[in-house]
């Protein structure tokens, strides 16, 4: 008997959600398949129908999110706001659990590197010199700062509205922190 696709997808999503919840609370090495299965309401053998191990599940979650970002950015015009565009497409309720896990305290730095690679220099259209020795540093500054601010915003449980957050990031890049400091 063949399972219905919507049941299969729902079961997979339950495993993903439970994994992300656990991964946002502790390192991946401390998460067991048995724990995921128990919290999901399924047994271990059901887990193995979807994933070979925890790292396969992590790869699936990372790849799914990165593919989503690629698709979203491909549909947008290139602009100096590409990083903000990437964050805007992630600023959806359905991505919050995954982002809290992947960008949280226990997330893998490898994911951050992969995420940075998705946003290419051509997409950024920053006004930085091409093929100059400083270019990689300027790009790293821009991407790392943006990702750090986004991570902080998530950790602060989005204490600013999306509009306020993206305006703050834009203003920080444009004017620095001086306008926000006490005189």
C-alpha atoms as a PDB file:
ATOM      1  CA  UNK A   1       0.000   0.000   0.000  1.00  0.00           C
ATOM      2  CA  UNK A   2       1.381   3.388  -1.061  1.00  0.00           C
ATOM      3  CA  UNK A   3       1.267   6.267   1.410  1.00  0.00           C
ATOM      4  CA  UNK A   4      -0.468   9.460   0.392  1.00  0.00           C
ATOM      5  CA  UNK A   5       1.998  12.230  -0.495  1.00  0.00           C
ATOM      6  CA  UNK A   6       0.444  14.734   1.916  1.00  0.00           C
ATOM      7  CA  UNK A   7       0.788  12.274   4.831  1.00  0.00           C
ATOM      8  CA  UNK A   8       4.394  11.554   3.856  1.00  0.00           C
ATOM      9  CA  UNK A   9       5.194  15.270   3.662  1.00  0.00           C
ATOM     10  CA  UNK A  10       3.443  15.975   6.962  1.00  0.00           C
ATOM     11  CA  UNK A  11       5.420  13.201   8.699  1.00  0.00           C
ATOM     12  CA  UNK A  12       8.698  14.495   7.255  1.00  0.00           C
ATOM     13  CA  UNK A  13       7.799  18.022   8.400  1.00  0.00           C
ATOM     14  CA  UNK A  14       7.078  16.803  11.933  1.00  0.00           C
ATOM     15  CA  UNK A  15      10.547  15.230  12.092  1.00  0.00           C
ATOM     16  CA  UNK A  16      12.061  18.474  10.781  1.00  0.00           C
ATOM     17  CA  UNK A  17      10.170  20.637  13.267  1.00  0.00           C
ATOM     18  CA  UNK A  18      11.110  18.452  16.245  1.00  0.00           C
ATOM     19  CA  UNK A  19      14.738  18.327  15.133  1.00  0.00           C
ATOM     20  CA  UNK A  20      14.892  22.121  14.733  1.00  0.00           C
ATOM     21  CA  UNK A  21      13.303  22.648  18.121  1.00  0.00           C
ATOM     22  CA  UNK A  22      15.904  20.374  19.733  1.00  0.00           C
ATOM     23  CA  UNK A  23      18.800  21.785  17.687  1.00  0.00           C
ATOM     24  CA  UNK A  24      17.984  25.291  18.850  1.00  0.00           C
ATOM     25  CA  UNK A  25      18.347  24.056  22.453  1.00  0.00           C
ATOM     26  CA  UNK A  26      21.421  21.827  22.307  1.00  0.00           C
ATOM     27  CA  UNK A  27      24.282  20.674  20.084  1.00  0.00           C
ATOM     28  CA  UNK A  28      23.540  18.135  17.382  1.00  0.00           C
ATOM     29  CA  UNK A  29      25.790  15.583  19.113  1.00  0.00           C
ATOM     30  CA  UNK A  30      23.358  15.569  22.043  1.00  0.00           C
ATOM     31  CA  UNK A  31      20.300  14.848  19.891  1.00  0.00           C
ATOM     32  CA  UNK A  32      19.348  11.235  19.353  1.00  0.00           C
ATOM     33  CA  UNK A  33      17.113   9.719  16.728  1.00  0.00           C
ATOM     34  CA  UNK A  34      15.171   8.072  19.538  1.00  0.00           C
ATOM     35  CA  UNK A  35      14.515  11.490  21.084  1.00  0.00           C
ATOM     36  CA  UNK A  36      13.316  12.883  17.753  1.00  0.00           C
ATOM     37  CA  UNK A  37      11.108   9.847  17.184  1.00  0.00           C
ATOM     38  CA  UNK A  38       9.617   9.998  20.688  1.00  0.00           C
ATOM     39  CA  UNK A  39       8.853  13.720  20.508  1.00  0.00           C
ATOM     40  CA  UNK A  40       7.418  13.247  17.004  1.00  0.00           C
ATOM     41  CA  UNK A  41       5.085  10.476  18.069  1.00  0.00           C
ATOM     42  CA  UNK A  42       6.661   7.979  15.682  1.00  0.00           C
ATOM     43  CA  UNK A  43       9.126   5.150  16.106  1.00  0.00           C
ATOM     44  CA  UNK A  44      12.741   5.046  14.978  1.00  0.00           C
ATOM     45  CA  UNK A  45      11.986   2.896  11.957  1.00  0.00           C
ATOM     46  CA  UNK A  46       9.647   5.602  10.645  1.00  0.00           C
ATOM     47  CA  UNK A  47      12.443   8.166  11.026  1.00  0.00           C
ATOM     48  CA  UNK A  48      14.738   5.939   8.936  1.00  0.00           C
ATOM     49  CA  UNK A  49      12.162   5.892   6.140  1.00  0.00           C
ATOM     50  CA  UNK A  50      12.856   9.594   5.680  1.00  0.00           C
ATOM     51  CA  UNK A  51      16.461  10.145   6.777  1.00  0.00           C
ATOM     52  CA  UNK A  52      19.544   7.950   7.132  1.00  0.00           C
ATOM     53  CA  UNK A  53      20.733   9.728  10.291  1.00  0.00           C
ATOM     54  CA  UNK A  54      20.660  13.075  12.084  1.00  0.00           C
ATOM     55  CA  UNK A  55      23.255  14.572   9.755  1.00  0.00           C
ATOM     56  CA  UNK A  56      21.171  13.601   6.743  1.00  0.00           C
ATOM     57  CA  UNK A  57      18.256  15.429   8.369  1.00  0.00           C
ATOM     58  CA  UNK A  58      20.477  18.468   9.024  1.00  0.00           C
ATOM     59  CA  UNK A  59      21.647  18.447   5.381  1.00  0.00           C
ATOM     60  CA  UNK A  60      18.040  18.234   4.217  1.00  0.00           C
ATOM     61  CA  UNK A  61      17.024  21.209   6.375  1.00  0.00           C
ATOM     62  CA  UNK A  62      20.019  23.313   5.279  1.00  0.00           C
ATOM     63  CA  UNK A  63      19.633  22.443   1.582  1.00  0.00           C
ATOM     64  CA  UNK A  64      15.903  23.089   1.653  1.00  0.00           C
ATOM     65  CA  UNK A  65      16.414  26.554   3.117  1.00  0.00           C
ATOM     66  CA  UNK A  66      19.314  27.411   0.793  1.00  0.00           C
ATOM     67  CA  UNK A  67      17.332  26.268  -2.252  1.00  0.00           C
ATOM     68  CA  UNK A  68      14.428  28.423  -1.140  1.00  0.00           C
ATOM     69  CA  UNK A  69      16.739  31.446  -0.819  1.00  0.00           C
ATOM     70  CA  UNK A  70      18.227  30.759  -4.282  1.00  0.00           C
ATOM     71  CA  UNK A  71      14.777  30.612  -5.849  1.00  0.00           C
ATOM     72  CA  UNK A  72      13.626  33.777  -4.113  1.00  0.00           C
ATOM     73  CA  UNK A  73      16.753  35.728  -5.062  1.00  0.00           C
ATOM     74  CA  UNK A  74      16.544  34.493  -8.656  1.00  0.00           C
ATOM     75  CA  UNK A  75      13.110  36.109  -8.888  1.00  0.00           C
ATOM     76  CA  UNK A  76      14.391  39.497  -7.698  1.00  0.00           C
ATOM     77  CA  UNK A  77      16.274  42.149  -9.587  1.00  0.00           C
ATOM     78  CA  UNK A  78      19.866  42.648  -8.575  1.00  0.00           C
ATOM     79  CA  UNK A  79      20.238  45.491  -6.126  1.00  0.00           C
ATOM     80  CA  UNK A  80      22.356  46.788  -3.308  1.00  0.00           C
ATOM     81  CA  UNK A  81      19.672  45.368  -1.049  1.00  0.00           C
ATOM     82  CA  UNK A  82      20.243  41.715  -1.979  1.00  0.00           C
ATOM     83  CA  UNK A  83      21.179  40.718   1.565  1.00  0.00           C
ATOM     84  CA  UNK A  84      18.104  42.476   2.909  1.00  0.00           C
ATOM     85  CA  UNK A  85      16.049  40.797   0.161  1.00  0.00           C
ATOM     86  CA  UNK A  86      17.376  37.420   1.325  1.00  0.00           C
ATOM     87  CA  UNK A  87      16.409  38.242   4.901  1.00  0.00           C
ATOM     88  CA  UNK A  88      13.007  39.529   3.801  1.00  0.00           C
ATOM     89  CA  UNK A  89      12.271  36.201   2.114  1.00  0.00           C
ATOM     90  CA  UNK A  90      13.268  34.455   5.359  1.00  0.00           C
ATOM     91  CA  UNK A  91      11.135  36.739   7.489  1.00  0.00           C
ATOM     92  CA  UNK A  92       8.216  34.351   7.353  1.00  0.00           C
ATOM     93  CA  UNK A  93       6.704  32.397  10.193  1.00  0.00           C
ATOM     94  CA  UNK A  94       7.345  29.023   8.520  1.00  0.00           C
ATOM     95  CA  UNK A  95      11.112  29.665   8.468  1.00  0.00           C
ATOM     96  CA  UNK A  96      11.482  30.880  12.040  1.00  0.00           C
ATOM     97  CA  UNK A  97      11.979  27.464  13.656  1.00  0.00           C
ATOM     98  CA  UNK A  98      14.577  26.428  11.065  1.00  0.00           C
ATOM     99  CA  UNK A  99      16.420  29.749  11.286  1.00  0.00           C
ATOM    100  CA  UNK A 100      16.512  29.671  15.075  1.00  0.00           C
ATOM    101  CA  UNK A 101      18.124  26.238  14.858  1.00  0.00           C
ATOM    102  CA  UNK A 102      20.587  26.901  12.028  1.00  0.00           C
ATOM    103  CA  UNK A 103      21.589  30.405  13.120  1.00  0.00           C
ATOM    104  CA  UNK A 104      21.283  29.782  16.852  1.00  0.00           C
ATOM    105  CA  UNK A 105      23.955  29.153  19.442  1.00  0.00           C
ATOM    106  CA  UNK A 106      24.332  25.500  18.440  1.00  0.00           C
ATOM    107  CA  UNK A 107      24.118  26.011  14.686  1.00  0.00           C
ATOM    108  CA  UNK A 108      26.943  24.871  12.478  1.00  0.00           C
ATOM    109  CA  UNK A 109      29.362  27.584  11.220  1.00  0.00           C
ATOM    110  CA  UNK A 110      29.472  25.627   7.951  1.00  0.00           C
ATOM    111  CA  UNK A 111      25.883  26.706   7.311  1.00  0.00           C
ATOM    112  CA  UNK A 112      26.855  30.374   7.621  1.00  0.00           C
ATOM    113  CA  UNK A 113      29.591  29.839   5.032  1.00  0.00           C
ATOM    114  CA  UNK A 114      27.132  28.142   2.711  1.00  0.00           C
ATOM    115  CA  UNK A 115      24.650  30.956   3.201  1.00  0.00           C
ATOM    116  CA  UNK A 116      27.279  33.571   2.388  1.00  0.00           C
ATOM    117  CA  UNK A 117      28.160  31.714  -0.820  1.00  0.00           C
ATOM    118  CA  UNK A 118      24.557  31.990  -1.986  1.00  0.00           C
ATOM    119  CA  UNK A 119      24.895  35.758  -2.075  1.00  0.00           C
ATOM    120  CA  UNK A 120      27.464  36.448  -4.755  1.00  0.00           C
ATOM    121  CA  UNK A 121      29.356  39.644  -5.477  1.00  0.00           C
ATOM    122  CA  UNK A 122      27.377  40.078  -8.681  1.00  0.00           C
ATOM    123  CA  UNK A 123      24.146  39.968  -6.678  1.00  0.00           C
ATOM    124  CA  UNK A 124      25.366  42.460  -4.125  1.00  0.00           C
ATOM    125  CA  UNK A 125      26.255  45.202  -6.585  1.00  0.00           C
ATOM    126  CA  UNK A 126      28.243  46.892  -3.852  1.00  0.00           C
ATOM    127  CA  UNK A 127      30.321  49.830  -4.889  1.00  0.00           C
ATOM    128  CA  UNK A 128      33.599  48.045  -4.107  1.00  0.00           C
ATOM    129  CA  UNK A 129      36.598  47.743  -6.385  1.00  0.00           C
ATOM    130  CA  UNK A 130      36.660  44.562  -8.456  1.00  0.00           C
ATOM    131  CA  UNK A 131      39.808  42.407  -8.253  1.00  0.00           C
ATOM    132  CA  UNK A 132      41.305  44.540  -5.506  1.00  0.00           C
ATOM    133  CA  UNK A 133      43.048  43.075  -2.471  1.00  0.00           C
ATOM    134  CA  UNK A 134      40.484  44.722  -0.160  1.00  0.00           C
ATOM    135  CA  UNK A 135      37.412  43.393  -1.977  1.00  0.00           C
ATOM    136  CA  UNK A 136      37.118  40.063  -0.085  1.00  0.00           C
ATOM    137  CA  UNK A 137      37.391  41.933   3.227  1.00  0.00           C
ATOM    138  CA  UNK A 138      34.713  44.431   2.290  1.00  0.00           C
ATOM    139  CA  UNK A 139      32.352  41.694   1.154  1.00  0.00           C
ATOM    140  CA  UNK A 140      33.007  39.649   4.300  1.00  0.00           C
ATOM    141  CA  UNK A 141      32.338  42.710   6.456  1.00  0.00           C
ATOM    142  CA  UNK A 142      29.058  43.389   4.695  1.00  0.00           C
ATOM    143  CA  UNK A 143      27.805  39.794   4.778  1.00  0.00           C
ATOM    144  CA  UNK A 144      29.023  38.943   8.281  1.00  0.00           C
ATOM    145  CA  UNK A 145      27.593  42.107   9.763  1.00  0.00           C
ATOM    146  CA  UNK A 146      24.254  41.547   8.060  1.00  0.00           C
ATOM    147  CA  UNK A 147      24.069  37.934   9.205  1.00  0.00           C
ATOM    148  CA  UNK A 148      25.082  38.835  12.760  1.00  0.00           C
ATOM    149  CA  UNK A 149      22.415  41.511  12.970  1.00  0.00           C
ATOM    150  CA  UNK A 150      19.824  39.102  11.582  1.00  0.00           C
ATOM    151  CA  UNK A 151      20.855  36.413  14.112  1.00  0.00           C
ATOM    152  CA  UNK A 152      20.606  38.937  16.947  1.00  0.00           C
ATOM    153  CA  UNK A 153      17.172  40.022  15.765  1.00  0.00           C
ATOM    154  CA  UNK A 154      16.020  36.391  15.816  1.00  0.00           C
ATOM    155  CA  UNK A 155      17.561  35.842  19.260  1.00  0.00           C
ATOM    156  CA  UNK A 156      15.775  38.972  20.479  1.00  0.00           C
ATOM    157  CA  UNK A 157      12.580  37.305  19.233  1.00  0.00           C
ATOM    158  CA  UNK A 158      12.094  39.983  16.596  1.00  0.00           C
ATOM    159  CA  UNK A 159      11.694  42.761  19.150  1.00  0.00           C
ATOM    160  CA  UNK A 160      11.670  45.238  16.254  1.00  0.00           C
ATOM    161  CA  UNK A 161       9.132  45.026  13.472  1.00  0.00           C
ATOM    162  CA  UNK A 162      10.495  43.824  10.129  1.00  0.00           C
ATOM    163  CA  UNK A 163      10.294  47.350   8.768  1.00  0.00           C
ATOM    164  CA  UNK A 164      12.167  48.797  11.771  1.00  0.00           C
ATOM    165  CA  UNK A 165      14.844  46.113  11.578  1.00  0.00           C
ATOM    166  CA  UNK A 166      15.526  46.485   7.855  1.00  0.00           C
ATOM    167  CA  UNK A 167      15.500  50.276   8.153  1.00  0.00           C
ATOM    168  CA  UNK A 168      18.030  50.025  11.016  1.00  0.00           C
ATOM    169  CA  UNK A 169      20.333  47.788   8.964  1.00  0.00           C
ATOM    170  CA  UNK A 170      20.111  50.114   5.990  1.00  0.00           C
ATOM    171  CA  UNK A 171      20.772  53.176   8.166  1.00  0.00           C
ATOM    172  CA  UNK A 172      23.747  51.512   9.843  1.00  0.00           C
ATOM    173  CA  UNK A 173      25.338  50.790   6.472  1.00  0.00           C
ATOM    174  CA  UNK A 174      24.537  54.229   5.162  1.00  0.00           C
ATOM    175  CA  UNK A 175      25.281  56.419   8.186  1.00  0.00           C
ATOM    176  CA  UNK A 176      27.106  54.203  10.709  1.00  0.00           C
ATOM    177  CA  UNK A 177      26.281  54.239  14.423  1.00  0.00           C
ATOM    178  CA  UNK A 178      26.958  57.937  15.003  1.00  0.00           C
ATOM    179  CA  UNK A 179      23.281  59.014  14.593  1.00  0.00           C
ATOM    180  CA  UNK A 180      22.322  56.506  17.321  1.00  0.00           C
ATOM    181  CA  UNK A 181      24.946  57.509  19.867  1.00  0.00           C
ATOM    182  CA  UNK A 182      24.174  59.936  22.684  1.00  0.00           C
ATOM    183  CA  UNK A 183      25.671  63.355  22.187  1.00  0.00           C
END
